[in-house]
């Protein structure tokens, strides 16, 4: 079994300290000399460890000042074989995911032409429309607009919409949507979006995707507006 490189061990140790709360966003790491002494390694090894942490968006290195822990950043790997879930992403960095329901309605497809086109719906088909604020440790970080045809989900317990929708679909209906066909767009928020996110100035990353279920049916269309500094998307085609 191949042994993990020392610089990766050091990087992982620092990541664990960030994740368990020993190190907080804004905290300064030890100097390179102190890290060399602590881990009994060369400066080159420490530098490789710190460069790894920078690449993974855990720290920022400021010349002449040092290395500082960044706000938690979710690295989302886009893989069509893995169901997409905001809650799963947030739990992966040991944070608490949440949702605040802004609006829920059942609408005709003709009222939502863009979503209807994505879901290949006729005008008179009924659709669940769900508008939520997504949170990390109760901090507002994203706005989501989700559309699910009623023909695939006849009944929806509205009380679960401030929890994990995907967990509800799994537990109640054994439905496991898999996201596909992503599109991305950077834009500035509207006044309404600023008010919902409780921010005066924040660039947004709009991520749109459809989801399919096991029989190949288009089950969901979602548009999510992420605070740009909270999410990193990584695409790897296997």
Protein backbone atom coordinates (compact mmCIF):
# COMPACT_ATOMS: atom_id res chain seq x y z
CA UNK A 1 0.00 0.00 0.00
CA UNK A 2 1.46 3.35 -1.09
CA UNK A 3 2.22 5.75 1.76
CA UNK A 4 0.63 9.20 1.63
CA UNK A 5 3.14 11.94 0.90
CA UNK A 6 4.19 13.92 3.98
CA UNK A 7 3.02 17.25 2.56
CA UNK A 8 -0.44 15.76 1.98
CA UNK A 9 -0.51 14.47 5.56
CA UNK A 10 0.27 17.97 6.80
CA UNK A 11 -2.40 19.49 4.57
CA UNK A 12 -4.96 16.94 5.79
CA UNK A 13 -4.08 17.64 9.41
CA UNK A 14 -4.71 21.35 8.88
CA UNK A 15 -7.97 20.61 7.05
CA UNK A 16 -9.13 18.53 10.03
CA UNK A 17 -8.37 21.44 12.37
CA UNK A 18 -10.45 23.73 10.16
CA UNK A 19 -13.34 21.27 10.01
CA UNK A 20 -13.43 20.52 13.74
CA UNK A 21 -13.33 24.22 14.67
CA UNK A 22 -9.79 24.35 16.03
CA UNK A 23 -9.08 26.86 13.29
CA UNK A 24 -11.73 29.40 12.29
CA UNK A 25 -12.24 31.59 9.18
CA UNK A 26 -9.81 34.49 9.40
CA UNK A 27 -7.37 32.69 11.72
CA UNK A 28 -3.70 32.91 10.77
CA UNK A 29 -1.77 29.67 10.43
CA UNK A 30 1.65 29.15 11.96
CA UNK A 31 4.51 30.63 9.96
CA UNK A 32 6.36 28.36 7.57
CA UNK A 33 9.25 28.15 10.06
CA UNK A 34 6.89 27.16 12.87
CA UNK A 35 5.24 24.52 10.67
CA UNK A 36 8.66 23.15 9.72
CA UNK A 37 9.49 22.80 13.40
CA UNK A 38 6.11 21.33 14.34
CA UNK A 39 6.15 18.63 11.65
CA UNK A 40 9.94 18.24 11.51
CA UNK A 41 10.04 18.75 7.74
CA UNK A 42 11.75 21.01 5.23
CA UNK A 43 10.43 24.38 4.10
CA UNK A 44 9.82 22.88 0.65
CA UNK A 45 7.48 20.26 2.15
CA UNK A 46 5.57 22.91 4.12
CA UNK A 47 5.30 25.07 1.03
CA UNK A 48 3.80 22.16 -0.93
CA UNK A 49 1.29 21.54 1.87
CA UNK A 50 0.23 25.19 1.93
CA UNK A 51 -0.03 25.29 -1.86
CA UNK A 52 -2.34 22.27 -1.67
CA UNK A 53 -4.56 24.08 0.85
CA UNK A 54 -4.67 27.15 -1.40
CA UNK A 55 -5.67 25.01 -4.41
CA UNK A 56 -8.48 23.44 -2.37
CA UNK A 57 -9.74 26.86 -1.20
CA UNK A 58 -9.02 26.29 2.50
CA UNK A 59 -6.50 29.12 2.96
CA UNK A 60 -5.26 32.32 1.37
CA UNK A 61 -1.53 33.17 1.37
CA UNK A 62 -0.75 36.88 1.56
CA UNK A 63 2.88 37.79 0.78
CA UNK A 64 4.58 39.42 3.76
CA UNK A 65 1.67 38.64 6.10
CA UNK A 66 1.09 34.89 6.21
CA UNK A 67 -1.56 32.24 5.54
CA UNK A 68 -5.17 32.71 6.63
CA UNK A 69 -8.17 30.37 6.85
CA UNK A 70 -10.88 31.17 4.31
CA UNK A 71 -14.63 31.05 4.86
CA UNK A 72 -15.96 27.54 4.29
CA UNK A 73 -16.16 26.88 0.59
CA UNK A 74 -18.18 24.01 -0.82
CA UNK A 75 -16.38 22.14 -3.59
CA UNK A 76 -19.15 20.57 -5.63
CA UNK A 77 -18.08 17.85 -8.04
CA UNK A 78 -20.44 17.62 -11.00
CA UNK A 79 -20.92 13.95 -11.71
CA UNK A 80 -24.04 12.77 -13.53
CA UNK A 81 -23.86 9.44 -11.68
CA UNK A 82 -24.21 11.07 -8.26
CA UNK A 83 -27.48 12.71 -7.09
CA UNK A 84 -27.12 16.43 -6.48
CA UNK A 85 -27.98 17.74 -3.02
CA UNK A 86 -27.33 21.05 -1.31
CA UNK A 87 -27.62 19.39 2.11
CA UNK A 88 -25.08 16.71 1.20
CA UNK A 89 -22.66 19.37 -0.03
CA UNK A 90 -22.89 21.32 3.22
CA UNK A 91 -22.66 18.27 5.46
CA UNK A 92 -19.45 17.37 3.58
CA UNK A 93 -17.74 20.37 5.22
CA UNK A 94 -19.25 19.62 8.66
CA UNK A 95 -21.68 22.53 8.50
CA UNK A 96 -25.43 22.64 9.11
CA UNK A 97 -27.57 22.97 5.95
CA UNK A 98 -30.91 24.70 6.10
CA UNK A 99 -33.74 26.20 4.09
CA UNK A 100 -36.22 29.03 4.52
CA UNK A 101 -39.39 28.69 2.46
CA UNK A 102 -40.20 31.90 0.60
CA UNK A 103 -43.03 30.64 -1.60
CA UNK A 104 -44.77 27.43 -2.59
CA UNK A 105 -47.48 27.14 -5.27
CA UNK A 106 -48.89 24.65 -7.74
CA UNK A 107 -48.90 26.37 -11.13
CA UNK A 108 -49.75 25.57 -14.73
CA UNK A 109 -46.78 24.99 -17.01
CA UNK A 110 -47.88 27.90 -19.20
CA UNK A 111 -47.19 30.24 -16.24
CA UNK A 112 -43.52 29.19 -16.15
CA UNK A 113 -42.52 28.94 -19.83
CA UNK A 114 -38.75 28.67 -19.28
CA UNK A 115 -39.06 25.81 -16.78
CA UNK A 116 -41.78 24.15 -18.87
CA UNK A 117 -39.48 24.16 -21.89
CA UNK A 118 -36.69 22.55 -19.86
CA UNK A 119 -39.09 19.86 -18.59
CA UNK A 120 -40.84 19.33 -21.97
CA UNK A 121 -44.27 20.06 -20.49
CA UNK A 122 -47.51 21.04 -22.21
CA UNK A 123 -49.29 24.24 -21.14
CA UNK A 124 -51.94 22.66 -18.89
CA UNK A 125 -49.71 20.34 -16.90
CA UNK A 126 -49.44 21.14 -13.19
CA UNK A 127 -46.09 21.86 -11.55
CA UNK A 128 -44.87 22.28 -7.97
CA UNK A 129 -43.05 25.62 -7.68
CA UNK A 130 -40.72 25.94 -4.66
CA UNK A 131 -38.76 29.10 -3.84
CA UNK A 132 -36.34 28.81 -0.91
CA UNK A 133 -33.41 30.56 0.74
CA UNK A 134 -30.60 28.08 1.42
CA UNK A 135 -28.45 28.50 4.51
CA UNK A 136 -25.16 27.29 5.96
CA UNK A 137 -25.08 27.42 9.77
CA UNK A 138 -28.11 29.76 9.52
CA UNK A 139 -26.24 32.16 7.19
CA UNK A 140 -28.07 32.91 3.94
CA UNK A 141 -25.92 31.83 0.98
CA UNK A 142 -28.22 30.97 -1.92
CA UNK A 143 -31.68 31.29 -3.46
CA UNK A 144 -33.28 28.32 -5.19
CA UNK A 145 -36.25 28.04 -7.53
CA UNK A 146 -37.37 24.43 -8.07
CA UNK A 147 -40.01 23.06 -10.46
CA UNK A 148 -41.32 19.48 -10.22
CA UNK A 149 -44.17 18.17 -12.45
CA UNK A 150 -47.10 16.99 -10.37
CA UNK A 151 -47.45 13.89 -12.56
CA UNK A 152 -44.27 12.53 -10.94
CA UNK A 153 -45.02 13.82 -7.43
CA UNK A 154 -48.80 14.05 -6.90
CA UNK A 155 -48.54 15.05 -3.23
CA UNK A 156 -45.93 17.15 -1.42
CA UNK A 157 -45.69 17.76 2.32
CA UNK A 158 -44.99 21.49 2.45
CA UNK A 159 -43.68 21.26 6.02
CA UNK A 160 -40.52 19.49 4.81
CA UNK A 161 -39.49 22.33 2.51
CA UNK A 162 -37.45 23.93 5.27
CA UNK A 163 -35.50 20.68 5.49
CA UNK A 164 -33.92 18.44 2.85
CA UNK A 165 -36.25 17.89 -0.13
CA UNK A 166 -34.05 15.10 -1.51
CA UNK A 167 -34.10 13.22 1.81
CA UNK A 168 -37.91 13.48 1.81
CA UNK A 169 -38.09 12.15 -1.76
CA UNK A 170 -35.83 9.26 -0.78
CA UNK A 171 -37.63 8.32 2.43
CA UNK A 172 -41.23 8.83 1.29
CA UNK A 173 -41.15 7.93 -2.41
CA UNK A 174 -37.83 6.15 -3.03
CA UNK A 175 -37.09 8.80 -5.67
CA UNK A 176 -33.44 9.65 -6.36
CA UNK A 177 -33.01 12.52 -8.85
CA UNK A 178 -29.69 12.80 -10.66
CA UNK A 179 -28.70 16.24 -11.92
CA UNK A 180 -27.61 16.77 -15.50
CA UNK A 181 -27.35 19.50 -18.16
CA UNK A 182 -25.78 22.21 -16.01
CA UNK A 183 -25.53 25.82 -17.18
CA UNK A 184 -23.66 28.61 -15.37
CA UNK A 185 -23.92 32.37 -15.44
CA UNK A 186 -22.33 35.09 -13.30
CA UNK A 187 -24.51 38.11 -12.59
CA UNK A 188 -25.30 40.86 -10.12
CA UNK A 189 -28.25 40.42 -7.73
CA UNK A 190 -31.54 42.24 -8.04
CA UNK A 191 -32.74 44.41 -5.15
CA UNK A 192 -35.13 41.62 -4.13
CA UNK A 193 -32.34 39.04 -4.13
CA UNK A 194 -30.15 41.36 -2.05
CA UNK A 195 -32.97 41.70 0.48
CA UNK A 196 -33.54 37.93 0.67
CA UNK A 197 -29.81 37.24 1.10
CA UNK A 198 -29.42 40.14 3.55
CA UNK A 199 -26.55 41.60 1.57
CA UNK A 200 -25.92 44.94 -0.09
CA UNK A 201 -23.31 43.81 -2.58
CA UNK A 202 -22.53 40.27 -3.65
CA UNK A 203 -21.90 38.74 -7.06
CA UNK A 204 -24.04 35.67 -7.73
CA UNK A 205 -23.37 32.46 -9.61
CA UNK A 206 -26.56 31.25 -11.30
CA UNK A 207 -26.53 27.47 -11.73
CA UNK A 208 -29.36 25.82 -13.66
CA UNK A 209 -29.88 22.11 -14.08
CA UNK A 210 -32.45 19.46 -14.86
CA UNK A 211 -32.68 16.18 -12.96
CA UNK A 212 -33.81 12.79 -14.14
CA UNK A 213 -35.09 9.79 -12.21
CA UNK A 214 -34.44 6.09 -12.69
CA UNK A 215 -36.84 5.68 -15.63
CA UNK A 216 -35.17 8.58 -17.46
CA UNK A 217 -38.05 11.02 -16.98
CA UNK A 218 -37.28 14.74 -16.53
CA UNK A 219 -38.24 15.07 -12.88
CA UNK A 220 -36.99 18.52 -11.85
CA UNK A 221 -35.68 21.84 -13.07
CA UNK A 222 -33.85 24.09 -10.60
CA UNK A 223 -32.22 27.50 -10.77
CA UNK A 224 -29.97 28.36 -7.83
CA UNK A 225 -28.27 31.70 -7.24
CA UNK A 226 -25.18 31.16 -5.07
CA UNK A 227 -23.14 33.78 -3.29
CA UNK A 228 -20.08 33.57 -5.53
CA UNK A 229 -17.52 33.18 -2.74
CA UNK A 230 -19.27 30.19 -1.15
CA UNK A 231 -19.24 27.60 -3.92
CA UNK A 232 -16.62 26.12 -6.22
CA UNK A 233 -17.85 23.83 -9.00
CA UNK A 234 -15.60 21.12 -10.37
CA UNK A 235 -16.43 19.12 -13.47
CA UNK A 236 -14.75 15.82 -14.19
CA UNK A 237 -15.95 13.73 -17.11
CA UNK A 238 -15.41 10.05 -16.47
